Amino acid sequence: MKQYIDKLALLVSDYQEAIDYYCEILQFELIENTSMGEGKRWVVVRPPGGMGPALLLAKAKNEEQASAVGNQTGGRVFLFLHTDDFWRDYRRMQIAGVDFTEEPREEEYGTVIVFRDLYGNKWDLIERKD
């Protein structure tokens, strides 16, 4: 049997502001942006290079979902963005105004820093050691 995770749903407040952030600030690729009627869209973004699952940007449709935007994991790091050049991407993200919660640090497994996306979800930017 062969299985893999293709997409992760990420709750957002607004499709266009999410597309702008992920595609302009984080430089993700917009894979799909299809209207499904009644204001609903199928919006998929992926980090450059196409490795790993994509994000399905899912607009919160009720109060319960809206309350989870930016806090889908109760304040823990939610997503892990791996890079082949930590310092290149860190500096570019700094210039773009990404909200880092700490200074870069060297860990046994590699170089890492935590950042928050536009909604407050925590991410790790990681360059793994070989």
C-alpha atoms as a PDB file:
ATOM      1  CA  MET A   1       0.000   0.000   0.000  1.00  0.00           C
ATOM      2  CA  LYS A   2       1.202   3.506  -0.795  1.00  0.00           C
ATOM      3  CA  GLN A   3      -0.327   6.569   0.868  1.00  0.00           C
ATOM      4  CA  TYR A   4       0.671  10.183   1.443  1.00  0.00           C
ATOM      5  CA  ILE A   5      -0.808  13.423   2.697  1.00  0.00           C
ATOM      6  CA  ASP A   6      -1.535  15.645  -0.298  1.00  0.00           C
ATOM      7  CA  LYS A   7      -3.019  18.757   1.333  1.00  0.00           C
ATOM      8  CA  LEU A   8      -3.536  20.289   4.758  1.00  0.00           C
ATOM      9  CA  ALA A   9      -6.505  22.588   5.300  1.00  0.00           C
ATOM     10  CA  LEU A  10      -5.524  25.912   6.837  1.00  0.00           C
ATOM     11  CA  LEU A  11      -8.342  28.107   8.120  1.00  0.00           C
ATOM     12  CA  VAL A  12      -8.115  31.699   6.896  1.00  0.00           C
ATOM     13  CA  SER A  13     -10.229  34.829   7.309  1.00  0.00           C
ATOM     14  CA  ASP A  14     -10.060  35.943   3.694  1.00  0.00           C
ATOM     15  CA  TYR A  15      -8.953  34.157   0.535  1.00  0.00           C
ATOM     16  CA  GLN A  16      -7.196  37.095  -1.127  1.00  0.00           C
ATOM     17  CA  GLU A  17      -5.260  38.286   1.933  1.00  0.00           C
ATOM     18  CA  ALA A  18      -4.118  34.689   2.489  1.00  0.00           C
ATOM     19  CA  ILE A  19      -3.054  34.306  -1.154  1.00  0.00           C
ATOM     20  CA  ASP A  20      -1.203  37.623  -0.977  1.00  0.00           C
ATOM     21  CA  TYR A  21       0.650  36.614   2.191  1.00  0.00           C
ATOM     22  CA  TYR A  22       1.611  33.101   1.196  1.00  0.00           C
ATOM     23  CA  CYS A  23       2.482  33.962  -2.408  1.00  0.00           C
ATOM     24  CA  GLU A  24       4.088  37.391  -1.958  1.00  0.00           C
ATOM     25  CA  ILE A  25       5.622  37.255   1.522  1.00  0.00           C
ATOM     26  CA  LEU A  26       6.497  33.540   1.785  1.00  0.00           C
ATOM     27  CA  GLN A  27       6.847  33.156  -2.013  1.00  0.00           C
ATOM     28  CA  PHE A  28       4.663  30.055  -2.225  1.00  0.00           C
ATOM     29  CA  GLU A  29       3.237  29.046  -5.602  1.00  0.00           C
ATOM     30  CA  LEU A  30      -0.486  29.431  -6.266  1.00  0.00           C
ATOM     31  CA  ILE A  31      -1.420  25.966  -7.558  1.00  0.00           C
ATOM     32  CA  GLU A  32      -5.178  26.421  -7.874  1.00  0.00           C
ATOM     33  CA  ASN A  33      -7.772  29.132  -7.312  1.00  0.00           C
ATOM     34  CA  THR A  34     -11.164  27.901  -8.460  1.00  0.00           C
ATOM     35  CA  SER A  35     -14.569  29.369  -7.640  1.00  0.00           C
ATOM     36  CA  MET A  36     -16.992  26.824  -6.217  1.00  0.00           C
ATOM     37  CA  GLY A  37     -19.969  29.214  -6.124  1.00  0.00           C
ATOM     38  CA  GLU A  38     -21.580  31.153  -3.287  1.00  0.00           C
ATOM     39  CA  GLY A  39     -18.256  32.783  -2.340  1.00  0.00           C
ATOM     40  CA  LYS A  40     -16.459  29.475  -1.734  1.00  0.00           C
ATOM     41  CA  ARG A  41     -13.152  28.822  -3.475  1.00  0.00           C
ATOM     42  CA  TRP A  42     -10.690  25.958  -3.792  1.00  0.00           C
ATOM     43  CA  VAL A  43      -7.365  27.700  -3.153  1.00  0.00           C
ATOM     44  CA  VAL A  44      -4.167  25.652  -3.013  1.00  0.00           C
ATOM     45  CA  VAL A  45      -0.644  26.991  -2.387  1.00  0.00           C
ATOM     46  CA  ARG A  46       2.659  25.164  -2.072  1.00  0.00           C
ATOM     47  CA  PRO A  47       6.218  26.154  -1.141  1.00  0.00           C
ATOM     48  CA  PRO A  48       8.550  26.649  -4.111  1.00  0.00           C
ATOM     49  CA  GLY A  49       9.978  23.365  -5.329  1.00  0.00           C
ATOM     50  CA  GLY A  50       6.776  21.387  -4.796  1.00  0.00           C
ATOM     51  CA  MET A  51       7.994  19.102  -2.013  1.00  0.00           C
ATOM     52  CA  GLY A  52       5.521  17.778   0.538  1.00  0.00           C
ATOM     53  CA  PRO A  53       1.854  18.541   1.014  1.00  0.00           C
ATOM     54  CA  ALA A  54       0.195  21.702  -0.241  1.00  0.00           C
ATOM     55  CA  LEU A  55      -1.997  24.011   1.838  1.00  0.00           C
ATOM     56  CA  LEU A  56      -5.692  24.265   1.079  1.00  0.00           C
ATOM     57  CA  LEU A  57      -6.634  27.785   2.182  1.00  0.00           C
ATOM     58  CA  ALA A  58     -10.096  27.277   3.675  1.00  0.00           C
ATOM     59  CA  LYS A  59     -12.106  30.376   4.534  1.00  0.00           C
ATOM     60  CA  ALA A  60     -13.773  30.089   7.928  1.00  0.00           C
ATOM     61  CA  LYS A  61     -17.508  29.818   7.358  1.00  0.00           C
ATOM     62  CA  ASN A  62     -18.938  30.108  10.874  1.00  0.00           C
ATOM     63  CA  GLU A  63     -18.135  31.441  14.348  1.00  0.00           C
ATOM     64  CA  GLU A  64     -16.539  28.189  15.526  1.00  0.00           C
ATOM     65  CA  GLN A  65     -14.169  28.051  12.560  1.00  0.00           C
ATOM     66  CA  ALA A  66     -13.427  31.780  12.784  1.00  0.00           C
ATOM     67  CA  SER A  67     -12.358  31.330  16.408  1.00  0.00           C
ATOM     68  CA  ALA A  68      -9.774  28.732  15.298  1.00  0.00           C
ATOM     69  CA  VAL A  69      -8.152  30.916  12.608  1.00  0.00           C
ATOM     70  CA  GLY A  70      -4.540  31.383  13.676  1.00  0.00           C
ATOM     71  CA  ASN A  71      -4.774  28.887  16.509  1.00  0.00           C
ATOM     72  CA  GLN A  72      -5.447  25.517  14.912  1.00  0.00           C
ATOM     73  CA  THR A  73      -2.984  23.795  17.269  1.00  0.00           C
ATOM     74  CA  GLY A  74      -3.623  25.611  20.527  1.00  0.00           C
ATOM     75  CA  GLY A  75      -0.475  27.749  20.277  1.00  0.00           C
ATOM     76  CA  ARG A  76       1.992  25.027  19.272  1.00  0.00           C
ATOM     77  CA  VAL A  77       4.080  25.133  16.124  1.00  0.00           C
ATOM     78  CA  PHE A  78       1.729  23.934  13.404  1.00  0.00           C
ATOM     79  CA  LEU A  79       3.734  23.720  10.187  1.00  0.00           C
ATOM     80  CA  PHE A  80       7.383  23.059   9.385  1.00  0.00           C
ATOM     81  CA  LEU A  81       8.878  24.812   6.361  1.00  0.00           C
ATOM     82  CA  HIS A  82      12.111  23.130   5.307  1.00  0.00           C
ATOM     83  CA  THR A  83      14.657  25.036   3.228  1.00  0.00           C
ATOM     84  CA  ASP A  84      17.943  24.284   1.495  1.00  0.00           C
ATOM     85  CA  ASP A  85      19.364  27.667   2.603  1.00  0.00           C
ATOM     86  CA  PHE A  86      18.222  28.925   5.997  1.00  0.00           C
ATOM     87  CA  TRP A  87      20.076  32.257   5.962  1.00  0.00           C
ATOM     88  CA  ARG A  88      18.898  33.198   2.454  1.00  0.00           C
ATOM     89  CA  ASP A  89      15.270  32.554   3.344  1.00  0.00           C
ATOM     90  CA  TYR A  90      15.501  34.035   6.836  1.00  0.00           C
ATOM     91  CA  ARG A  91      16.946  37.310   5.499  1.00  0.00           C
ATOM     92  CA  ARG A  92      14.389  37.499   2.681  1.00  0.00           C
ATOM     93  CA  MET A  93      11.544  36.845   5.123  1.00  0.00           C
ATOM     94  CA  GLN A  94      12.941  39.461   7.542  1.00  0.00           C
ATOM     95  CA  ILE A  95      12.944  42.074   4.780  1.00  0.00           C
ATOM     96  CA  ALA A  96       9.368  41.079   3.847  1.00  0.00           C
ATOM     97  CA  GLY A  97       8.249  41.726   7.432  1.00  0.00           C
ATOM     98  CA  VAL A  98       7.637  38.178   8.664  1.00  0.00           C
ATOM     99  CA  ASP A  99       6.914  38.048  12.408  1.00  0.00           C
ATOM    100  CA  PHE A 100       9.709  36.015  14.022  1.00  0.00           C
ATOM    101  CA  THR A 101       9.188  35.046  17.660  1.00  0.00           C
ATOM    102  CA  GLU A 102      12.864  34.434  18.476  1.00  0.00           C
ATOM    103  CA  GLU A 103      16.378  34.592  17.123  1.00  0.00           C
ATOM    104  CA  PRO A 104      17.728  31.844  14.841  1.00  0.00           C
ATOM    105  CA  ARG A 105      19.180  28.939  16.759  1.00  0.00           C
ATOM    106  CA  GLU A 106      21.364  25.945  16.050  1.00  0.00           C
ATOM    107  CA  GLU A 107      19.908  22.643  17.182  1.00  0.00           C
ATOM    108  CA  GLU A 108      21.214  19.102  16.917  1.00  0.00           C
ATOM    109  CA  TYR A 109      19.028  18.587  13.838  1.00  0.00           C
ATOM    110  CA  GLY A 110      19.745  21.921  12.101  1.00  0.00           C
ATOM    111  CA  THR A 111      19.176  25.686  12.028  1.00  0.00           C
ATOM    112  CA  VAL A 112      15.669  26.787  13.005  1.00  0.00           C
ATOM    113  CA  ILE A 113      13.512  29.767  13.882  1.00  0.00           C
ATOM    114  CA  VAL A 114       9.831  30.115  14.778  1.00  0.00           C
ATOM    115  CA  PHE A 115       7.655  32.613  12.931  1.00  0.00           C
ATOM    116  CA  ARG A 116       3.974  33.520  12.872  1.00  0.00           C
ATOM    117  CA  ASP A 117       1.978  33.792   9.677  1.00  0.00           C
ATOM    118  CA  LEU A 118      -0.497  36.618   9.100  1.00  0.00           C
ATOM    119  CA  TYR A 119      -3.092  34.887  11.294  1.00  0.00           C
ATOM    120  CA  GLY A 120      -0.739  33.940  14.125  1.00  0.00           C
ATOM    121  CA  ASN A 121      -0.156  30.268  13.285  1.00  0.00           C
ATOM    122  CA  LYS A 122       3.321  29.251  14.390  1.00  0.00           C
ATOM    123  CA  TRP A 123       5.731  27.776  11.872  1.00  0.00           C
ATOM    124  CA  ASP A 124       9.301  26.509  12.040  1.00  0.00           C
ATOM    125  CA  LEU A 125      11.697  27.537   9.274  1.00  0.00           C
ATOM    126  CA  ILE A 126      14.311  24.764   9.248  1.00  0.00           C
ATOM    127  CA  GLU A 127      17.454  23.842   7.381  1.00  0.00           C
ATOM    128  CA  ARG A 128      18.273  20.290   8.412  1.00  0.00           C
ATOM    129  CA  LYS A 129      21.841  19.148   8.922  1.00  0.00           C
ATOM    130  CA  ASP A 130      22.965  16.450   6.512  1.00  0.00           C
END
